[in-house]
Structure formats: C-alpha cells, structure tokens
Amino acid sequence: MPIRQIFPVLTTLTALVGVQYAPAASLVAAHTNAQAERNVLRVVPYSWKASRMPGLIDPTTHLLVNNTKAVCHGRGTAYKGGRYTRFVCFVQPPRHRPRAGLYVSYRALLHGRFRVHWIRYKR
C-alpha cells in the first residue's frame, strides 16, 4: 500500500480512538432562577385548593391573583450560567403581611422537568 493511502486511514483511526476515550459530558439537571420562578407560578394554581391559599388564588377563576410574584433562591452547587439543581421559592400575593405567602422547595430534573414540594403557607 502506498504511503498516500495509509495516511488518511491512520488519521481516521486516530480520530476514532480519541473520540471513543474522550470523557462524556455530564448531564446535570440545573435551572436558572427565572426558569424556576416561572415554573413555580405555573404549577401553583393546579396543585392546591383555592380555599387553602386565601389571597393567592382567586376562588372564582382558580387562577393566580394579578401581580403575584415568585422569588427563588438557589441552594447548593452553582453551575455555569448561575444555574442550580435545588431552590427554595416564595410565592407572594400582591397584598400581604411581611413574610406572608407560600414557601416551596423546587428541584430541577432532567429534560426540563421539575418537582415542587410544598413547605408551608404562612398567612
């Protein structure tokens, strides 16, 4: 076999061996604060009865009251882009007393999924 034909074959084999032993990118389920806040606001009206959260959910429409806000704080290891896997979130109605609102724990899962655990609703 001439040298001209061996060089492309060796180059291809070297590339394949290098790719085969390259470290795999680790899949980390991590969300940003804004993404966690949107997800929490999206799931709150469908998870609890309106009677259990006075001032947060309109009992006639079963939707969040206007100007309801969510604030999430990342817990644990921060990943690239300010992303976290766990959050403690606080959903606050527009008219509220200090520290009144719904406290939830938020966990990011793979493929954009998430899990929300209710901590408490403080009146």
C-alpha atoms as a PDB file:
ATOM      1  CA  MET A   1       0.000   0.000   0.000  1.00  0.00           C
ATOM      2  CA  PRO A   2       1.449   3.364  -0.914  1.00  0.00           C
ATOM      3  CA  ILE A   3       2.089   5.967   1.788  1.00  0.00           C
ATOM      4  CA  ARG A   4      -0.590   8.244   0.329  1.00  0.00           C
ATOM      5  CA  GLN A   5      -3.295   5.693   1.098  1.00  0.00           C
ATOM      6  CA  ILE A   6      -2.034   4.809   4.586  1.00  0.00           C
ATOM      7  CA  PHE A   7      -2.001   8.398   5.909  1.00  0.00           C
ATOM      8  CA  PRO A   8      -5.793   9.011   5.604  1.00  0.00           C
ATOM      9  CA  VAL A   9      -6.550   5.624   7.179  1.00  0.00           C
ATOM     10  CA  LEU A  10      -4.238   6.294  10.139  1.00  0.00           C
ATOM     11  CA  THR A  11      -5.702   9.772  10.630  1.00  0.00           C
ATOM     12  CA  THR A  12      -9.238   8.370  10.700  1.00  0.00           C
ATOM     13  CA  LEU A  13      -8.293   5.621  13.154  1.00  0.00           C
ATOM     14  CA  THR A  14      -6.553   8.106  15.454  1.00  0.00           C
ATOM     15  CA  ALA A  15      -9.613  10.352  15.461  1.00  0.00           C
ATOM     16  CA  LEU A  16     -11.942   7.436  16.251  1.00  0.00           C
ATOM     17  CA  VAL A  17      -9.787   6.236  19.138  1.00  0.00           C
ATOM     18  CA  GLY A  18      -9.590   9.769  20.558  1.00  0.00           C
ATOM     19  CA  VAL A  19     -13.355  10.246  20.381  1.00  0.00           C
ATOM     20  CA  GLN A  20     -14.007   6.863  21.937  1.00  0.00           C
ATOM     21  CA  TYR A  21     -11.969   7.661  25.057  1.00  0.00           C
ATOM     22  CA  ALA A  22     -12.992  11.297  25.422  1.00  0.00           C
ATOM     23  CA  PRO A  23     -14.804  11.993  28.716  1.00  0.00           C
ATOM     24  CA  ALA A  24     -18.566  12.162  28.346  1.00  0.00           C
ATOM     25  CA  ALA A  25     -20.271  15.423  29.180  1.00  0.00           C
ATOM     26  CA  SER A  26     -22.057  15.033  32.483  1.00  0.00           C
ATOM     27  CA  LEU A  27     -25.774  15.671  32.379  1.00  0.00           C
ATOM     28  CA  VAL A  28     -26.709  17.987  35.210  1.00  0.00           C
ATOM     29  CA  ALA A  29     -30.307  18.996  35.681  1.00  0.00           C
ATOM     30  CA  ALA A  30     -29.973  22.676  36.562  1.00  0.00           C
ATOM     31  CA  HIS A  31     -32.295  25.632  36.045  1.00  0.00           C
ATOM     32  CA  THR A  32     -31.869  29.379  36.382  1.00  0.00           C
ATOM     33  CA  ASN A  33     -33.714  31.434  38.988  1.00  0.00           C
ATOM     34  CA  ALA A  34     -36.033  32.890  36.344  1.00  0.00           C
ATOM     35  CA  GLN A  35     -36.917  29.468  34.960  1.00  0.00           C
ATOM     36  CA  ALA A  36     -37.661  28.147  38.454  1.00  0.00           C
ATOM     37  CA  GLU A  37     -39.862  31.169  39.243  1.00  0.00           C
ATOM     38  CA  ARG A  38     -41.887  30.722  36.042  1.00  0.00           C
ATOM     39  CA  ASN A  39     -42.343  27.005  36.686  1.00  0.00           C
ATOM     40  CA  VAL A  40     -43.488  27.578  40.265  1.00  0.00           C
ATOM     41  CA  LEU A  41     -46.022  30.210  39.193  1.00  0.00           C
ATOM     42  CA  ARG A  42     -47.260  27.845  36.501  1.00  0.00           C
ATOM     43  CA  VAL A  43     -47.868  24.906  38.856  1.00  0.00           C
ATOM     44  CA  VAL A  44     -49.285  26.680  41.946  1.00  0.00           C
ATOM     45  CA  PRO A  45     -52.906  27.150  40.774  1.00  0.00           C
ATOM     46  CA  TYR A  46     -53.239  23.492  39.790  1.00  0.00           C
ATOM     47  CA  SER A  47     -51.745  21.949  42.897  1.00  0.00           C
ATOM     48  CA  TRP A  48     -53.709  23.217  45.867  1.00  0.00           C
ATOM     49  CA  LYS A  49     -57.285  24.254  46.534  1.00  0.00           C
ATOM     50  CA  ALA A  50     -58.030  27.961  46.418  1.00  0.00           C
ATOM     51  CA  SER A  51     -59.520  27.809  49.912  1.00  0.00           C
ATOM     52  CA  ARG A  52     -56.159  26.740  51.330  1.00  0.00           C
ATOM     53  CA  MET A  53     -54.390  29.834  49.986  1.00  0.00           C
ATOM     54  CA  PRO A  54     -56.554  32.908  50.602  1.00  0.00           C
ATOM     55  CA  GLY A  55     -55.290  35.981  48.784  1.00  0.00           C
ATOM     56  CA  LEU A  56     -53.086  33.979  46.431  1.00  0.00           C
ATOM     57  CA  ILE A  57     -55.674  32.277  44.204  1.00  0.00           C
ATOM     58  CA  ASP A  58     -58.952  33.769  43.017  1.00  0.00           C
ATOM     59  CA  PRO A  59     -61.666  31.289  44.123  1.00  0.00           C
ATOM     60  CA  THR A  60     -63.952  32.108  41.180  1.00  0.00           C
ATOM     61  CA  THR A  61     -61.424  31.677  38.360  1.00  0.00           C
ATOM     62  CA  HIS A  62     -58.948  29.337  40.140  1.00  0.00           C
ATOM     63  CA  LEU A  63     -56.070  31.395  38.731  1.00  0.00           C
ATOM     64  CA  LEU A  64     -53.368  33.364  40.475  1.00  0.00           C
ATOM     65  CA  VAL A  65     -54.324  36.847  41.562  1.00  0.00           C
ATOM     66  CA  ASN A  66     -52.798  39.604  39.425  1.00  0.00           C
ATOM     67  CA  ASN A  67     -49.328  40.821  40.454  1.00  0.00           C
ATOM     68  CA  THR A  68     -48.457  37.628  42.298  1.00  0.00           C
ATOM     69  CA  LYS A  69     -44.702  37.201  42.357  1.00  0.00           C
ATOM     70  CA  ALA A  70     -42.336  34.317  42.965  1.00  0.00           C
ATOM     71  CA  VAL A  71     -38.792  34.653  44.246  1.00  0.00           C
ATOM     72  CA  CYS A  72     -36.437  31.660  44.112  1.00  0.00           C
ATOM     73  CA  HIS A  73     -33.025  31.316  45.727  1.00  0.00           C
ATOM     74  CA  GLY A  74     -30.623  28.634  44.523  1.00  0.00           C
ATOM     75  CA  ARG A  75     -29.240  26.181  47.057  1.00  0.00           C
ATOM     76  CA  GLY A  76     -26.152  24.022  46.801  1.00  0.00           C
ATOM     77  CA  THR A  77     -23.614  23.992  43.987  1.00  0.00           C
ATOM     78  CA  ALA A  78     -23.866  26.709  41.344  1.00  0.00           C
ATOM     79  CA  TYR A  79     -23.286  25.565  37.774  1.00  0.00           C
ATOM     80  CA  LYS A  80     -22.298  27.547  34.702  1.00  0.00           C
ATOM     81  CA  GLY A  81     -24.677  30.423  33.982  1.00  0.00           C
ATOM     82  CA  GLY A  82     -25.906  30.785  37.567  1.00  0.00           C
ATOM     83  CA  ARG A  83     -27.916  27.572  37.433  1.00  0.00           C
ATOM     84  CA  TYR A  84     -28.807  25.391  40.413  1.00  0.00           C
ATOM     85  CA  THR A  85     -30.440  21.996  40.914  1.00  0.00           C
ATOM     86  CA  ARG A  86     -32.370  22.982  44.059  1.00  0.00           C
ATOM     87  CA  PHE A  87     -34.218  26.128  45.043  1.00  0.00           C
ATOM     88  CA  VAL A  88     -36.274  27.482  47.906  1.00  0.00           C
ATOM     89  CA  CYS A  89     -39.059  29.582  46.416  1.00  0.00           C
ATOM     90  CA  PHE A  90     -41.505  32.016  47.909  1.00  0.00           C
ATOM     91  CA  VAL A  91     -44.800  32.916  46.189  1.00  0.00           C
ATOM     92  CA  GLN A  92     -46.206  36.202  47.460  1.00  0.00           C
ATOM     93  CA  PRO A  93     -49.656  37.700  46.840  1.00  0.00           C
ATOM     94  CA  PRO A  94     -49.959  41.392  45.921  1.00  0.00           C
ATOM     95  CA  ARG A  95     -51.423  42.385  49.305  1.00  0.00           C
ATOM     96  CA  HIS A  96     -49.549  40.671  52.070  1.00  0.00           C
ATOM     97  CA  ARG A  97     -48.080  40.977  55.519  1.00  0.00           C
ATOM     98  CA  PRO A  98     -44.328  40.682  55.934  1.00  0.00           C
ATOM     99  CA  ARG A  99     -43.146  37.151  55.105  1.00  0.00           C
ATOM    100  CA  ALA A 100     -46.683  36.024  54.249  1.00  0.00           C
ATOM    101  CA  GLY A 101     -47.006  33.686  51.276  1.00  0.00           C
ATOM    102  CA  LEU A 102     -46.369  30.175  50.046  1.00  0.00           C
ATOM    103  CA  TYR A 103     -42.970  28.581  50.655  1.00  0.00           C
ATOM    104  CA  VAL A 104     -41.981  25.732  48.331  1.00  0.00           C
ATOM    105  CA  SER A 105     -38.955  23.563  47.632  1.00  0.00           C
ATOM    106  CA  TYR A 106     -38.086  23.203  43.938  1.00  0.00           C
ATOM    107  CA  ARG A 107     -35.891  20.528  42.394  1.00  0.00           C
ATOM    108  CA  ALA A 108     -34.762  20.543  38.758  1.00  0.00           C
ATOM    109  CA  LEU A 109     -34.909  17.235  36.881  1.00  0.00           C
ATOM    110  CA  LEU A 110     -33.501  16.205  33.508  1.00  0.00           C
ATOM    111  CA  HIS A 111     -35.154  17.235  30.233  1.00  0.00           C
ATOM    112  CA  GLY A 112     -36.703  20.442  31.635  1.00  0.00           C
ATOM    113  CA  ARG A 113     -38.840  18.655  34.207  1.00  0.00           C
ATOM    114  CA  PHE A 114     -39.083  19.684  37.842  1.00  0.00           C
ATOM    115  CA  ARG A 115     -40.573  18.667  41.174  1.00  0.00           C
ATOM    116  CA  VAL A 116     -42.221  21.031  43.667  1.00  0.00           C
ATOM    117  CA  HIS A 117     -42.711  20.228  47.351  1.00  0.00           C
ATOM    118  CA  TRP A 118     -44.900  22.485  49.488  1.00  0.00           C
ATOM    119  CA  ILE A 119     -43.226  23.618  52.670  1.00  0.00           C
ATOM    120  CA  ARG A 120     -45.958  25.835  54.149  1.00  0.00           C
ATOM    121  CA  TYR A 121     -48.374  28.673  53.576  1.00  0.00           C
ATOM    122  CA  LYS A 122     -47.898  31.490  56.043  1.00  0.00           C
ATOM    123  CA  ARG A 123     -50.816  33.905  56.457  1.00  0.00           C
END
